[in-house]
Amino acid sequence: SLLQILVFEVPMKCGGCANAVRKNIDELGDSATIESIDVPTNRIVVRSRKTMEEMKEQLEKTGKTITFVEAR
């Protein structure tokens, strides 16, 4: 599948939250990499071969409410 840039909103209060998200995406191995995580704006940008739905499902394993923002 095509490589795409996906932006999600993930409620994060601290660096610990950001690390939990980072570990969560690392589980996907080569099929997804993090472009950026911004705690103050709760935005995470992921470069992924997975679909938006698959990425959202993976992120939801953190127990947080995930909002899809845009594909770039």
PDB file of N, CA and C in Angstrom:
ATOM      1  N   SER A   1       0.841  -1.208   0.000  1.00  0.00           N
ATOM      2  CA  SER A   1       0.000   0.000   0.000  1.00  0.00           C
ATOM      3  C   SER A   1       0.875   1.256   0.000  1.00  0.00           C
ATOM      4  N   LEU A   2       0.288   2.347  -0.350  1.00  0.00           N
ATOM      5  CA  LEU A   2       1.038   3.595  -0.497  1.00  0.00           C
ATOM      6  C   LEU A   2       1.438   4.206   0.836  1.00  0.00           C
ATOM      7  N   LEU A   3       2.582   4.854   0.802  1.00  0.00           N
ATOM      8  CA  LEU A   3       3.053   5.565   1.984  1.00  0.00           C
ATOM      9  C   LEU A   3       2.259   6.860   2.084  1.00  0.00           C
ATOM     10  N   GLN A   4       1.720   7.139   3.239  1.00  0.00           N
ATOM     11  CA  GLN A   4       0.971   8.383   3.411  1.00  0.00           C
ATOM     12  C   GLN A   4       1.303   9.016   4.750  1.00  0.00           C
ATOM     13  N   ILE A   5       1.063  10.306   4.824  1.00  0.00           N
ATOM     14  CA  ILE A   5       1.292  11.042   6.063  1.00  0.00           C
ATOM     15  C   ILE A   5      -0.078  11.268   6.704  1.00  0.00           C
ATOM     16  N   LEU A   6      -0.232  10.787   7.928  1.00  0.00           N
ATOM     17  CA  LEU A   6      -1.507  10.899   8.635  1.00  0.00           C
ATOM     18  C   LEU A   6      -1.312  11.726   9.898  1.00  0.00           C
ATOM     19  N   VAL A   7      -2.263  12.601  10.150  1.00  0.00           N
ATOM     20  CA  VAL A   7      -2.203  13.432  11.350  1.00  0.00           C
ATOM     21  C   VAL A   7      -3.366  13.049  12.267  1.00  0.00           C
ATOM     22  N   PHE A   8      -3.044  12.778  13.520  1.00  0.00           N
ATOM     23  CA  PHE A   8      -4.054  12.425  14.517  1.00  0.00           C
ATOM     24  C   PHE A   8      -3.943  13.344  15.717  1.00  0.00           C
ATOM     25  N   GLU A   9      -5.064  13.500  16.390  1.00  0.00           N
ATOM     26  CA  GLU A   9      -5.073  14.202  17.662  1.00  0.00           C
ATOM     27  C   GLU A   9      -5.160  13.133  18.750  1.00  0.00           C
ATOM     28  N   VAL A  10      -4.198  13.165  19.669  1.00  0.00           N
ATOM     29  CA  VAL A  10      -4.119  12.191  20.754  1.00  0.00           C
ATOM     30  C   VAL A  10      -3.969  12.962  22.058  1.00  0.00           C
ATOM     31  N   PRO A  11      -4.894  12.819  23.013  1.00  0.00           N
ATOM     32  CA  PRO A  11      -4.758  13.552  24.268  1.00  0.00           C
ATOM     33  C   PRO A  11      -3.470  13.141  24.994  1.00  0.00           C
ATOM     34  N   MET A  12      -2.546  14.093  25.147  1.00  0.00           N
ATOM     35  CA  MET A  12      -1.280  13.824  25.830  1.00  0.00           C
ATOM     36  C   MET A  12      -1.010  14.950  26.818  1.00  0.00           C
ATOM     37  N   LYS A  13      -0.710  14.578  28.050  1.00  0.00           N
ATOM     38  CA  LYS A  13      -0.453  15.607  29.054  1.00  0.00           C
ATOM     39  C   LYS A  13       1.030  15.804  29.316  1.00  0.00           C
ATOM     40  N   CYS A  14       1.848  14.801  28.928  1.00  0.00           N
ATOM     41  CA  CYS A  14       3.266  14.874  29.286  1.00  0.00           C
ATOM     42  C   CYS A  14       4.111  14.018  28.358  1.00  0.00           C
ATOM     43  N   GLY A  15       5.407  14.044  28.594  1.00  0.00           N
ATOM     44  CA  GLY A  15       6.331  13.238  27.813  1.00  0.00           C
ATOM     45  C   GLY A  15       6.080  11.747  27.968  1.00  0.00           C
ATOM     46  N   GLY A  16       5.589  11.344  29.138  1.00  0.00           N
ATOM     47  CA  GLY A  16       5.266   9.938  29.367  1.00  0.00           C
ATOM     48  C   GLY A  16       4.174   9.466  28.429  1.00  0.00           C
ATOM     49  N   CYS A  17       3.164  10.311  28.239  1.00  0.00           N
ATOM     50  CA  CYS A  17       2.075  10.000  27.303  1.00  0.00           C
ATOM     51  C   CYS A  17       2.637   9.866  25.888  1.00  0.00           C
ATOM     52  N   ALA A  18       3.511  10.798  25.524  1.00  0.00           N
ATOM     53  CA  ALA A  18       4.115  10.781  24.193  1.00  0.00           C
ATOM     54  C   ALA A  18       4.928   9.506  23.992  1.00  0.00           C
ATOM     55  N   ASN A  19       5.636   9.068  25.043  1.00  0.00           N
ATOM     56  CA  ASN A  19       6.425   7.840  24.943  1.00  0.00           C
ATOM     57  C   ASN A  19       5.542   6.612  24.779  1.00  0.00           C
ATOM     58  N   ALA A  20       4.385   6.613  25.436  1.00  0.00           N
ATOM     59  CA  ALA A  20       3.441   5.500  25.303  1.00  0.00           C
ATOM     60  C   ALA A  20       2.973   5.397  23.851  1.00  0.00           C
ATOM     61  N   VAL A  21       2.709   6.553  23.252  1.00  0.00           N
ATOM     62  CA  VAL A  21       2.279   6.588  21.847  1.00  0.00           C
ATOM     63  C   VAL A  21       3.420   6.124  20.944  1.00  0.00           C
ATOM     64  N   ARG A  22       4.626   6.568  21.258  1.00  0.00           N
ATOM     65  CA  ARG A  22       5.811   6.196  20.472  1.00  0.00           C
ATOM     66  C   ARG A  22       6.003   4.674  20.486  1.00  0.00           C
ATOM     67  N   LYS A  23       5.915   4.064  21.669  1.00  0.00           N
ATOM     68  CA  LYS A  23       6.056   2.606  21.800  1.00  0.00           C
ATOM     69  C   LYS A  23       4.958   1.897  21.009  1.00  0.00           C
ATOM     70  N   ASN A  24       3.756   2.442  21.090  1.00  0.00           N
ATOM     71  CA  ASN A  24       2.609   1.864  20.401  1.00  0.00           C
ATOM     72  C   ASN A  24       2.864   1.805  18.895  1.00  0.00           C
ATOM     73  N   ILE A  25       3.411   2.864  18.325  1.00  0.00           N
ATOM     74  CA  ILE A  25       3.660   2.904  16.885  1.00  0.00           C
ATOM     75  C   ILE A  25       4.875   2.067  16.514  1.00  0.00           C
ATOM     76  N   ASP A  26       5.852   1.993  17.423  1.00  0.00           N
ATOM     77  CA  ASP A  26       7.028   1.145  17.176  1.00  0.00           C
ATOM     78  C   ASP A  26       6.641  -0.323  16.976  1.00  0.00           C
ATOM     79  N   GLU A  27       5.528  -0.737  17.584  1.00  0.00           N
ATOM     80  CA  GLU A  27       5.033  -2.119  17.444  1.00  0.00           C
ATOM     81  C   GLU A  27       4.752  -2.466  15.983  1.00  0.00           C
ATOM     82  N   LEU A  28       4.482  -1.458  15.178  1.00  0.00           N
ATOM     83  CA  LEU A  28       4.153  -1.690  13.766  1.00  0.00           C
ATOM     84  C   LEU A  28       5.395  -1.893  12.904  1.00  0.00           C
ATOM     85  N   GLY A  29       6.563  -1.728  13.504  1.00  0.00           N
ATOM     86  CA  GLY A  29       7.804  -1.945  12.764  1.00  0.00           C
ATOM     87  C   GLY A  29       7.959  -0.991  11.594  1.00  0.00           C
ATOM     88  N   ASP A  30       8.310  -1.562  10.433  1.00  0.00           N
ATOM     89  CA  ASP A  30       8.617  -0.749   9.252  1.00  0.00           C
ATOM     90  C   ASP A  30       7.388  -0.111   8.602  1.00  0.00           C
ATOM     91  N   SER A  31       6.191  -0.549   8.988  1.00  0.00           N
ATOM     92  CA  SER A  31       5.008  -0.052   8.278  1.00  0.00           C
ATOM     93  C   SER A  31       4.546   1.321   8.763  1.00  0.00           C
ATOM     94  N   ALA A  32       5.172   1.842   9.826  1.00  0.00           N
ATOM     95  CA  ALA A  32       4.810   3.187  10.303  1.00  0.00           C
ATOM     96  C   ALA A  32       5.971   3.827  11.048  1.00  0.00           C
ATOM     97  N   THR A  33       6.212   5.102  10.767  1.00  0.00           N
ATOM     98  CA  THR A  33       7.209   5.859  11.524  1.00  0.00           C
ATOM     99  C   THR A  33       6.609   7.188  11.950  1.00  0.00           C
ATOM    100  N   ILE A  34       7.080   7.684  13.076  1.00  0.00           N
ATOM    101  CA  ILE A  34       6.575   8.943  13.600  1.00  0.00           C
ATOM    102  C   ILE A  34       7.362  10.093  12.999  1.00  0.00           C
ATOM    103  N   GLU A  35       6.644  11.031  12.416  1.00  0.00           N
ATOM    104  CA  GLU A  35       7.274  12.240  11.898  1.00  0.00           C
ATOM    105  C   GLU A  35       7.450  13.231  13.047  1.00  0.00           C
ATOM    106  N   SER A  36       6.386  13.397  13.831  1.00  0.00           N
ATOM    107  CA  SER A  36       6.465  14.316  14.967  1.00  0.00           C
ATOM    108  C   SER A  36       5.375  14.018  15.983  1.00  0.00           C
ATOM    109  N   ILE A  37       5.701  14.321  17.243  1.00  0.00           N
ATOM    110  CA  ILE A  37       4.715  14.248  18.329  1.00  0.00           C
ATOM    111  C   ILE A  37       4.798  15.591  19.038  1.00  0.00           C
ATOM    112  N   ASP A  38       3.662  16.273  19.129  1.00  0.00           N
ATOM    113  CA  ASP A  38       3.646  17.576  19.791  1.00  0.00           C
ATOM    114  C   ASP A  38       2.658  17.533  20.948  1.00  0.00           C
ATOM    115  N   VAL A  39       3.199  17.457  22.163  1.00  0.00           N
ATOM    116  CA  VAL A  39       2.346  17.327  23.354  1.00  0.00           C
ATOM    117  C   VAL A  39       1.414  18.536  23.543  1.00  0.00           C
ATOM    118  N   PRO A  40       1.918  19.788  23.453  1.00  0.00           N
ATOM    119  CA  PRO A  40       1.029  20.935  23.687  1.00  0.00           C
ATOM    120  C   PRO A  40      -0.198  20.976  22.771  1.00  0.00           C
ATOM    121  N   THR A  41      -0.045  20.561  21.498  1.00  0.00           N
ATOM    122  CA  THR A  41      -1.198  20.609  20.581  1.00  0.00           C
ATOM    123  C   THR A  41      -1.875  19.246  20.440  1.00  0.00           C
ATOM    124  N   ASN A  42      -1.340  18.225  21.143  1.00  0.00           N
ATOM    125  CA  ASN A  42      -1.883  16.861  21.061  1.00  0.00           C
ATOM    126  C   ASN A  42      -1.867  16.290  19.645  1.00  0.00           C
ATOM    127  N   ARG A  43      -0.911  16.737  18.849  1.00  0.00           N
ATOM    128  CA  ARG A  43      -0.864  16.262  17.458  1.00  0.00           C
ATOM    129  C   ARG A  43       0.257  15.252  17.273  1.00  0.00           C
ATOM    130  N   ILE A  44      -0.054  14.201  16.528  1.00  0.00           N
ATOM    131  CA  ILE A  44       0.967  13.244  16.138  1.00  0.00           C
ATOM    132  C   ILE A  44       0.898  13.071  14.630  1.00  0.00           C
ATOM    133  N   VAL A  45       2.058  13.114  13.999  1.00  0.00           N
ATOM    134  CA  VAL A  45       2.134  12.959  12.547  1.00  0.00           C
ATOM    135  C   VAL A  45       2.881  11.662  12.272  1.00  0.00           C
ATOM    136  N   VAL A  46       2.228  10.775  11.527  1.00  0.00           N
ATOM    137  CA  VAL A  46       2.785   9.452  11.263  1.00  0.00           C
ATOM    138  C   VAL A  46       2.922   9.236   9.767  1.00  0.00           C
ATOM    139  N   ARG A  47       4.067   8.696   9.356  1.00  0.00           N
ATOM    140  CA  ARG A  47       4.268   8.282   7.960  1.00  0.00           C
ATOM    141  C   ARG A  47       3.972   6.786   7.960  1.00  0.00           C
ATOM    142  N   SER A  48       2.987   6.367   7.194  1.00  0.00           N
ATOM    143  CA  SER A  48       2.505   4.994   7.348  1.00  0.00           C
ATOM    144  C   SER A  48       2.099   4.330   6.044  1.00  0.00           C
ATOM    145  N   ARG A  49       2.293   3.015   5.994  1.00  0.00           N
ATOM    146  CA  ARG A  49       1.780   2.207   4.881  1.00  0.00           C
ATOM    147  C   ARG A  49       0.422   1.610   5.248  1.00  0.00           C
ATOM    148  N   LYS A  50       0.006   1.834   6.475  1.00  0.00           N
ATOM    149  CA  LYS A  50      -1.304   1.343   6.929  1.00  0.00           C
ATOM    150  C   LYS A  50      -2.383   2.349   6.533  1.00  0.00           C
ATOM    151  N   THR A  51      -3.623   1.886   6.532  1.00  0.00           N
ATOM    152  CA  THR A  51      -4.724   2.804   6.241  1.00  0.00           C
ATOM    153  C   THR A  51      -4.961   3.677   7.465  1.00  0.00           C
ATOM    154  N   MET A  52      -5.697   4.746   7.276  1.00  0.00           N
ATOM    155  CA  MET A  52      -6.044   5.624   8.388  1.00  0.00           C
ATOM    156  C   MET A  52      -6.761   4.813   9.473  1.00  0.00           C
ATOM    157  N   GLU A  53      -7.686   3.937   9.058  1.00  0.00           N
ATOM    158  CA  GLU A  53      -8.452   3.138  10.019  1.00  0.00           C
ATOM    159  C   GLU A  53      -7.535   2.220  10.825  1.00  0.00           C
ATOM    160  N   GLU A  54      -6.578   1.590  10.142  1.00  0.00           N
ATOM    161  CA  GLU A  54      -5.643   0.691  10.834  1.00  0.00           C
ATOM    162  C   GLU A  54      -4.774   1.461  11.828  1.00  0.00           C
ATOM    163  N   MET A  55      -4.329   2.637  11.415  1.00  0.00           N
ATOM    164  CA  MET A  55      -3.500   3.453  12.306  1.00  0.00           C
ATOM    165  C   MET A  55      -4.292   3.904  13.517  1.00  0.00           C
ATOM    166  N   LYS A  56      -5.530   4.324  13.278  1.00  0.00           N
ATOM    167  CA  LYS A  56      -6.394   4.799  14.365  1.00  0.00           C
ATOM    168  C   LYS A  56      -6.632   3.654  15.361  1.00  0.00           C
ATOM    169  N   GLU A  57      -6.894   2.458  14.821  1.00  0.00           N
ATOM    170  CA  GLU A  57      -7.119   1.278  15.660  1.00  0.00           C
ATOM    171  C   GLU A  57      -5.889   0.982  16.519  1.00  0.00           C
ATOM    172  N   GLN A  58      -4.700   1.071  15.905  1.00  0.00           N
ATOM    173  CA  GLN A  58      -3.455   0.825  16.633  1.00  0.00           C
ATOM    174  C   GLN A  58      -3.291   1.850  17.755  1.00  0.00           C
ATOM    175  N   LEU A  59      -3.516   3.130  17.436  1.00  0.00           N
ATOM    176  CA  LEU A  59      -3.364   4.189  18.433  1.00  0.00           C
ATOM    177  C   LEU A  59      -4.370   4.046  19.574  1.00  0.00           C
ATOM    178  N   GLU A  60      -5.553   3.509  19.257  1.00  0.00           N
ATOM    179  CA  GLU A  60      -6.588   3.352  20.288  1.00  0.00           C
ATOM    180  C   GLU A  60      -6.190   2.316  21.334  1.00  0.00           C
ATOM    181  N   LYS A  61      -5.203   1.474  21.021  1.00  0.00           N
ATOM    182  CA  LYS A  61      -4.697   0.509  22.000  1.00  0.00           C
ATOM    183  C   LYS A  61      -4.061   1.215  23.195  1.00  0.00           C
ATOM    184  N   THR A  62      -3.747   2.504  23.046  1.00  0.00           N
ATOM    185  CA  THR A  62      -3.189   3.256  24.169  1.00  0.00           C
ATOM    186  C   THR A  62      -4.279   3.577  25.193  1.00  0.00           C
ATOM    187  N   GLY A  63      -5.539   3.336  24.828  1.00  0.00           N
ATOM    188  CA  GLY A  63      -6.648   3.627  25.725  1.00  0.00           C
ATOM    189  C   GLY A  63      -7.123   5.075  25.618  1.00  0.00           C
ATOM    190  N   LYS A  64      -6.544   5.803  24.684  1.00  0.00           N
ATOM    191  CA  LYS A  64      -6.918   7.209  24.516  1.00  0.00           C
ATOM    192  C   LYS A  64      -7.944   7.365  23.392  1.00  0.00           C
ATOM    193  N   THR A  65      -8.633   8.502  23.416  1.00  0.00           N
ATOM    194  CA  THR A  65      -9.584   8.809  22.341  1.00  0.00           C
ATOM    195  C   THR A  65      -8.801   9.437  21.196  1.00  0.00           C
ATOM    196  N   ILE A  66      -8.825   8.795  20.051  1.00  0.00           N
ATOM    197  CA  ILE A  66      -8.021   9.238  18.908  1.00  0.00           C
ATOM    198  C   ILE A  66      -8.922   9.923  17.892  1.00  0.00           C
ATOM    199  N   THR A  67      -8.489  11.090  17.428  1.00  0.00           N
ATOM    200  CA  THR A  67      -9.239  11.817  16.404  1.00  0.00           C
ATOM    201  C   THR A  67      -8.369  11.955  15.162  1.00  0.00           C
ATOM    202  N   PHE A  68      -8.898  11.530  14.020  1.00  0.00           N
ATOM    203  CA  PHE A  68      -8.168  11.710  12.767  1.00  0.00           C
ATOM    204  C   PHE A  68      -8.309  13.164  12.330  1.00  0.00           C
ATOM    205  N   VAL A  69      -7.201  13.793  11.992  1.00  0.00           N
ATOM    206  CA  VAL A  69      -7.223  15.203  11.614  1.00  0.00           C
ATOM    207  C   VAL A  69      -7.150  15.361  10.104  1.00  0.00           C
ATOM    208  N   GLU A  70      -6.094  14.812   9.491  1.00  0.00           N
ATOM    209  CA  GLU A  70      -5.957  14.950   8.045  1.00  0.00           C
ATOM    210  C   GLU A  70      -4.902  13.993   7.499  1.00  0.00           C
ATOM    211  N   ALA A  71      -4.968  13.797   6.181  1.00  0.00           N
ATOM    212  CA  ALA A  71      -3.918  13.067   5.471  1.00  0.00           C
ATOM    213  C   ALA A  71      -3.205  14.112   4.624  1.00  0.00           C
ATOM    214  N   ARG A  72      -1.880  14.015   4.569  1.00  0.00           N
ATOM    215  CA  ARG A  72      -1.119  15.005   3.794  1.00  0.00           C
ATOM    216  C   ARG A  72      -0.529  14.368   2.560  1.00  0.00           C
TER     217      ARG A  72
END
